[in-house]
Protein backbone atom coordinates (compact mmCIF):
# COMPACT_ATOMS: atom_id res chain seq x y z
CA UNK A 1 46.30 -3.17 21.31
CA UNK A 2 42.89 -4.73 20.72
CA UNK A 3 40.87 -4.49 17.55
CA UNK A 4 38.33 -2.23 19.28
CA UNK A 5 41.11 0.21 20.21
CA UNK A 6 42.32 0.22 16.61
CA UNK A 7 38.81 1.02 15.41
CA UNK A 8 38.48 3.91 17.85
CA UNK A 9 41.87 5.35 16.91
CA UNK A 10 41.06 5.22 13.23
CA UNK A 11 37.90 7.21 13.84
CA UNK A 12 35.63 4.41 12.66
CA UNK A 13 32.69 2.96 14.49
CA UNK A 14 32.07 -0.76 14.72
CA UNK A 15 29.32 -1.84 12.34
CA UNK A 16 26.33 -3.48 13.97
CA UNK A 17 24.94 -6.68 12.56
CA UNK A 18 21.34 -5.76 13.26
CA UNK A 19 19.03 -6.73 10.42
CA UNK A 20 17.42 -3.24 10.43
CA UNK A 21 20.77 -1.47 10.14
CA UNK A 22 20.41 1.57 7.87
CA UNK A 23 16.60 1.67 7.98
CA UNK A 24 16.31 5.35 8.91
CA UNK A 25 18.39 6.89 6.07
CA UNK A 26 16.48 4.99 3.37
CA UNK A 27 13.15 5.71 5.08
CA UNK A 28 13.87 9.43 5.33
CA UNK A 29 15.14 9.52 1.74
CA UNK A 30 11.92 7.97 0.43
CA UNK A 31 9.72 10.29 2.51
CA UNK A 32 11.69 13.33 1.31
CA UNK A 33 11.12 12.17 -2.26
CA UNK A 34 7.37 12.76 -1.76
CA UNK A 35 7.03 15.25 1.08
CA UNK A 36 10.29 17.19 0.73
CA UNK A 37 9.05 18.86 -2.45
CA UNK A 38 5.67 19.86 -3.79
CA UNK A 39 5.06 16.46 -5.42
CA UNK A 40 2.58 15.47 -2.71
CA UNK A 41 0.32 18.38 -3.73
CA UNK A 42 0.00 17.19 -7.32
CA UNK A 43 -0.51 13.63 -6.10
CA UNK A 44 -3.23 14.77 -3.71
CA UNK A 45 -5.03 16.58 -6.53
CA UNK A 46 -4.79 13.48 -8.73
CA UNK A 47 -6.21 11.10 -6.12
CA UNK A 48 -8.91 13.50 -5.04
CA UNK A 49 -9.93 13.80 -8.69
CA UNK A 50 -9.98 10.02 -9.18
CA UNK A 51 -11.73 8.91 -5.99
CA UNK A 52 -13.47 11.48 -3.79
CA UNK A 53 -14.76 13.81 -6.48
CA UNK A 54 -16.23 11.04 -8.73
CA UNK A 55 -17.83 9.37 -5.70
CA UNK A 56 -19.75 12.58 -5.03
CA UNK A 57 -20.33 13.62 -8.62
CA UNK A 58 -21.56 10.18 -9.78
CA UNK A 59 -24.25 9.96 -7.09
CA UNK A 60 -27.55 11.34 -8.47
CA UNK A 61 -29.31 13.94 -6.35
CA UNK A 62 -32.49 11.83 -6.45
CA UNK A 63 -30.85 8.91 -4.61
CA UNK A 64 -32.09 8.26 -1.10
CA UNK A 65 -29.36 8.48 1.56
CA UNK A 66 -26.89 10.24 -0.69
CA UNK A 67 -24.39 10.41 2.15
CA UNK A 68 -24.24 6.62 2.40
CA UNK A 69 -23.79 6.41 -1.36
CA UNK A 70 -20.86 8.83 -1.14
CA UNK A 71 -19.07 6.60 1.36
CA UNK A 72 -19.73 3.24 -0.26
CA UNK A 73 -18.94 4.46 -3.77
CA UNK A 74 -15.71 6.06 -2.55
CA UNK A 75 -14.56 2.81 -0.92
CA UNK A 76 -15.52 0.69 -3.91
CA UNK A 77 -14.00 3.06 -6.47
CA UNK A 78 -10.99 3.86 -4.31
CA UNK A 79 -10.08 0.25 -3.65
CA UNK A 80 -9.81 -0.39 -7.39
CA UNK A 81 -8.15 2.81 -8.59
CA UNK A 82 -5.85 3.12 -5.60
CA UNK A 83 -4.69 -0.49 -5.99
CA UNK A 84 -3.77 0.17 -9.61
CA UNK A 85 -2.23 3.49 -8.60
CA UNK A 86 -0.14 1.82 -5.90
CA UNK A 87 1.27 -0.62 -8.43
CA UNK A 88 2.12 2.22 -10.82
CA UNK A 89 3.75 4.32 -8.10
CA UNK A 90 5.93 1.49 -6.79
CA UNK A 91 6.67 -0.43 -10.00
CA UNK A 92 10.09 1.11 -10.58
CA UNK A 93 11.29 2.06 -7.12
CA UNK A 94 13.77 -0.84 -6.89
CA UNK A 95 14.40 -1.46 -10.59
CA UNK A 96 15.48 2.15 -11.22
CA UNK A 97 18.14 1.79 -8.55
CA UNK A 98 19.30 -1.43 -10.18
CA UNK A 99 19.54 0.15 -13.64
CA UNK A 100 21.33 3.30 -12.43
CA UNK A 101 23.64 1.17 -10.25
CA UNK A 102 22.51 3.17 -7.23
CA UNK A 103 21.75 -0.16 -5.58
CA UNK A 104 25.44 -1.09 -5.78
CA UNK A 105 26.38 2.07 -3.89
CA UNK A 106 23.60 1.62 -1.34
CA UNK A 107 24.47 -2.00 -0.60
CA UNK A 108 28.17 -1.14 -0.26
CA UNK A 109 27.25 0.91 2.79
CA UNK A 110 26.52 -0.50 6.26
CA UNK A 111 22.94 -1.23 5.29
CA UNK A 112 21.07 -4.50 5.60
CA UNK A 113 18.95 -5.70 2.69
CA UNK A 114 15.99 -6.14 5.04
CA UNK A 115 16.21 -2.49 6.05
CA UNK A 116 16.29 -1.49 2.39
CA UNK A 117 13.01 -3.28 1.62
CA UNK A 118 11.21 -2.41 4.86
CA UNK A 119 12.20 1.25 4.72
CA UNK A 120 10.72 1.58 1.25
CA UNK A 121 7.59 -0.27 2.35
CA UNK A 122 7.12 1.97 5.41
CA UNK A 123 7.68 5.22 3.50
CA UNK A 124 5.31 4.32 0.68
CA UNK A 125 2.76 3.03 3.19
CA UNK A 126 2.72 6.43 4.91
CA UNK A 127 2.45 8.33 1.64
CA UNK A 128 -0.35 6.12 0.29
CA UNK A 129 -2.19 6.07 3.61
CA UNK A 130 -2.10 9.84 4.07
CA UNK A 131 -2.18 11.42 0.60
CA UNK A 132 -3.73 8.82 -1.70
CA UNK A 133 -6.30 7.43 0.75
CA UNK A 134 -6.44 9.42 3.98
CA UNK A 135 -7.23 12.97 2.83
CA UNK A 136 -9.75 11.89 0.15
CA UNK A 137 -11.44 9.63 2.74
CA UNK A 138 -11.80 12.53 5.18
CA UNK A 139 -13.09 14.84 2.46
CA UNK A 140 -15.67 12.25 1.38
CA UNK A 141 -16.89 11.75 4.94
CA UNK A 142 -17.51 15.45 5.53
CA UNK A 143 -19.27 15.65 2.17
CA UNK A 144 -21.45 12.72 3.24
CA UNK A 145 -22.27 14.38 6.57
CA UNK A 146 -23.26 17.54 4.74
CA UNK A 147 -25.46 15.50 2.37
CA UNK A 148 -27.05 13.71 5.32
CA UNK A 149 -26.14 10.44 7.03
CA UNK A 150 -28.64 8.16 8.81
CA UNK A 151 -28.02 7.75 12.52
CA UNK A 152 -27.06 4.07 12.11
CA UNK A 153 -24.08 5.00 9.92
CA UNK A 154 -21.29 5.65 12.37
CA UNK A 155 -17.84 7.09 11.83
CA UNK A 156 -16.35 3.92 13.32
CA UNK A 157 -17.98 1.73 10.66
CA UNK A 158 -16.63 3.98 7.94
CA UNK A 159 -13.13 3.90 9.43
CA UNK A 160 -13.27 0.09 9.49
CA UNK A 161 -14.04 0.16 5.76
CA UNK A 162 -11.19 2.60 5.11
CA UNK A 163 -8.78 0.37 7.04
CA UNK A 164 -9.82 -2.62 4.92
CA UNK A 165 -9.07 -0.68 1.76
CA UNK A 166 -5.73 0.39 3.23
CA UNK A 167 -4.89 -3.22 4.01
CA UNK A 168 -5.62 -4.11 0.39
CA UNK A 169 -3.27 -1.33 -0.74
CA UNK A 170 -0.52 -2.57 1.59
CA UNK A 171 -0.77 -6.01 0.00
CA UNK A 172 -0.38 -4.51 -3.48
CA UNK A 173 2.52 -2.42 -2.21
CA UNK A 174 4.33 -5.45 -0.77
CA UNK A 175 3.57 -7.52 -3.88
CA UNK A 176 5.01 -4.85 -6.20
CA UNK A 177 8.14 -4.44 -4.06
CA UNK A 178 8.66 -8.20 -4.12
CA UNK A 179 8.34 -8.29 -7.91
CA UNK A 180 10.71 -5.34 -8.19
CA UNK A 181 13.29 -7.25 -6.16
CA UNK A 182 12.94 -10.32 -8.38
CA UNK A 183 12.71 -8.80 -11.88
CA UNK A 184 14.81 -6.23 -13.70
CA UNK A 185 12.12 -4.84 -16.00
CA UNK A 186 9.38 -2.43 -15.00
CA UNK A 187 7.03 -3.91 -17.59
CA UNK A 188 7.26 -7.37 -16.04
CA UNK A 189 6.57 -6.02 -12.55
CA UNK A 190 3.57 -4.01 -13.69
CA UNK A 191 2.08 -6.78 -15.81
CA UNK A 192 2.35 -9.45 -13.11
CA UNK A 193 1.09 -7.18 -10.32
CA UNK A 194 -1.91 -6.06 -12.37
CA UNK A 195 -2.62 -9.64 -13.39
CA UNK A 196 -2.65 -10.75 -9.74
CA UNK A 197 -4.92 -7.89 -8.69
CA UNK A 198 -7.35 -8.00 -11.60
CA UNK A 199 -7.30 -11.80 -11.79
CA UNK A 200 -8.08 -12.09 -8.10
CA UNK A 201 -10.85 -9.52 -8.39
CA UNK A 202 -12.55 -11.75 -10.99
CA UNK A 203 -12.69 -14.86 -8.78
CA UNK A 204 -16.46 -14.47 -8.53
CA UNK A 205 -16.81 -15.19 -12.23
CA UNK A 206 -15.55 -18.74 -11.73
CA UNK A 207 -18.02 -21.13 -10.02
CA UNK A 208 -15.20 -23.24 -8.55
CA UNK A 209 -13.22 -20.31 -7.17
CA UNK A 210 -16.25 -18.35 -5.98
CA UNK A 211 -16.32 -20.29 -2.73
CA UNK A 212 -12.84 -19.23 -1.64
CA UNK A 213 -13.14 -15.57 -2.69
CA UNK A 214 -14.74 -14.39 0.62
CA UNK A 215 -11.64 -15.57 2.50
CA UNK A 216 -9.07 -13.82 0.31
CA UNK A 217 -7.57 -10.37 -0.01
CA UNK A 218 -9.84 -9.67 -2.97
CA UNK A 219 -12.92 -9.85 -0.73
CA UNK A 220 -11.85 -6.71 1.14
CA UNK A 221 -13.38 -4.43 -1.47
CA UNK A 222 -16.87 -5.79 -0.83
CA UNK A 223 -16.24 -6.16 2.90
CA UNK A 224 -15.24 -2.48 3.12
CA UNK A 225 -18.47 -1.23 1.55
CA UNK A 226 -20.50 -3.62 3.71
CA UNK A 227 -18.78 -2.37 6.86
CA UNK A 228 -20.10 1.14 6.24
CA UNK A 229 -23.67 -0.02 6.86
CA UNK A 230 -22.64 -2.13 9.84
CA UNK A 231 -22.30 -5.51 8.12
CA UNK A 232 -19.21 -7.46 9.17
CA UNK A 233 -19.16 -11.19 8.43
CA UNK A 234 -17.01 -13.87 9.99
CA UNK A 235 -15.39 -14.40 6.60
CA UNK A 236 -14.13 -10.82 6.74
CA UNK A 237 -11.89 -11.70 9.69
CA UNK A 238 -10.36 -14.51 7.67
CA UNK A 239 -9.90 -12.20 4.67
CA UNK A 240 -8.13 -9.66 6.89
CA UNK A 241 -5.89 -12.34 8.41
CA UNK A 242 -5.00 -13.86 5.04
CA UNK A 243 -4.20 -10.41 3.64
CA UNK A 244 -1.84 -9.67 6.52
CA UNK A 245 -0.11 -13.02 6.09
CA UNK A 246 0.25 -12.55 2.32
CA UNK A 247 1.66 -9.06 2.85
CA UNK A 248 4.23 -10.33 5.33
CA UNK A 249 5.07 -13.23 3.00
CA UNK A 250 5.71 -10.87 0.07
CA UNK A 251 8.03 -8.76 2.22
CA UNK A 252 9.88 -11.85 3.43
CA UNK A 253 10.39 -13.06 -0.14
CA UNK A 254 11.59 -9.60 -1.18
CA UNK A 255 14.10 -9.49 1.69
CA UNK A 256 15.30 -13.03 0.96
CA UNK A 257 15.75 -12.27 -2.73
CA UNK A 258 17.65 -9.07 -2.00
CA UNK A 259 20.00 -10.96 0.32
CA UNK A 260 20.86 -13.30 -2.55
CA UNK A 261 20.92 -10.60 -5.22
CA UNK A 262 24.23 -10.51 -7.08
CA UNK A 263 25.41 -6.92 -7.49
């Protein structure tokens, strides 16, 4: 009798060698961690309090075009605080499973290491995009409309700015996951990720590095606020492209490292 017949008789199913094998269980587990309980409500309150509410409260009533100020301040403030928040949220997601030996159990199952990394990335990307950024962005826009928006400020321009901020957050998410795959200490992951983000954000302070800053991921903060008023430079396309490439690179390194991780 063939091997396939033996597998069927034993009640087992042949294991596929697909590199995304096991993606769905990990993805659903991570989503349930946030949306299966009431944790998303407290997170929503936190991010509303840190981004949308200050953007409205910090704008003086005497400012002309208060609605525009709401939107630009939200994107500027949100890109900074949400980037730091993303690093804090993700800093221990892989390391905790290493320390509790949950990773040993997970990797003993028919699960590819690529699926493990990509499932976490996808689940956190949805949570960050919807709860941390999405709802506050919608709230801020309606507040801006109520305060009064000039006709030249379109919803499309604002959405472009929001997407730029989201792309920046995805880079920080991928970077933190990569560091979590490499290191075994949460402190090291947090310190390096914050150093990369804050160090990159200060490129303008260096005369030599100032020239390359418009083409990097750290230019997206300024590009997002400029997009609200309809300003979109050619350098912004390069910054978007480089951010996507760096995000993919971080994920590739994380997957490669996990494949060579000794359990």
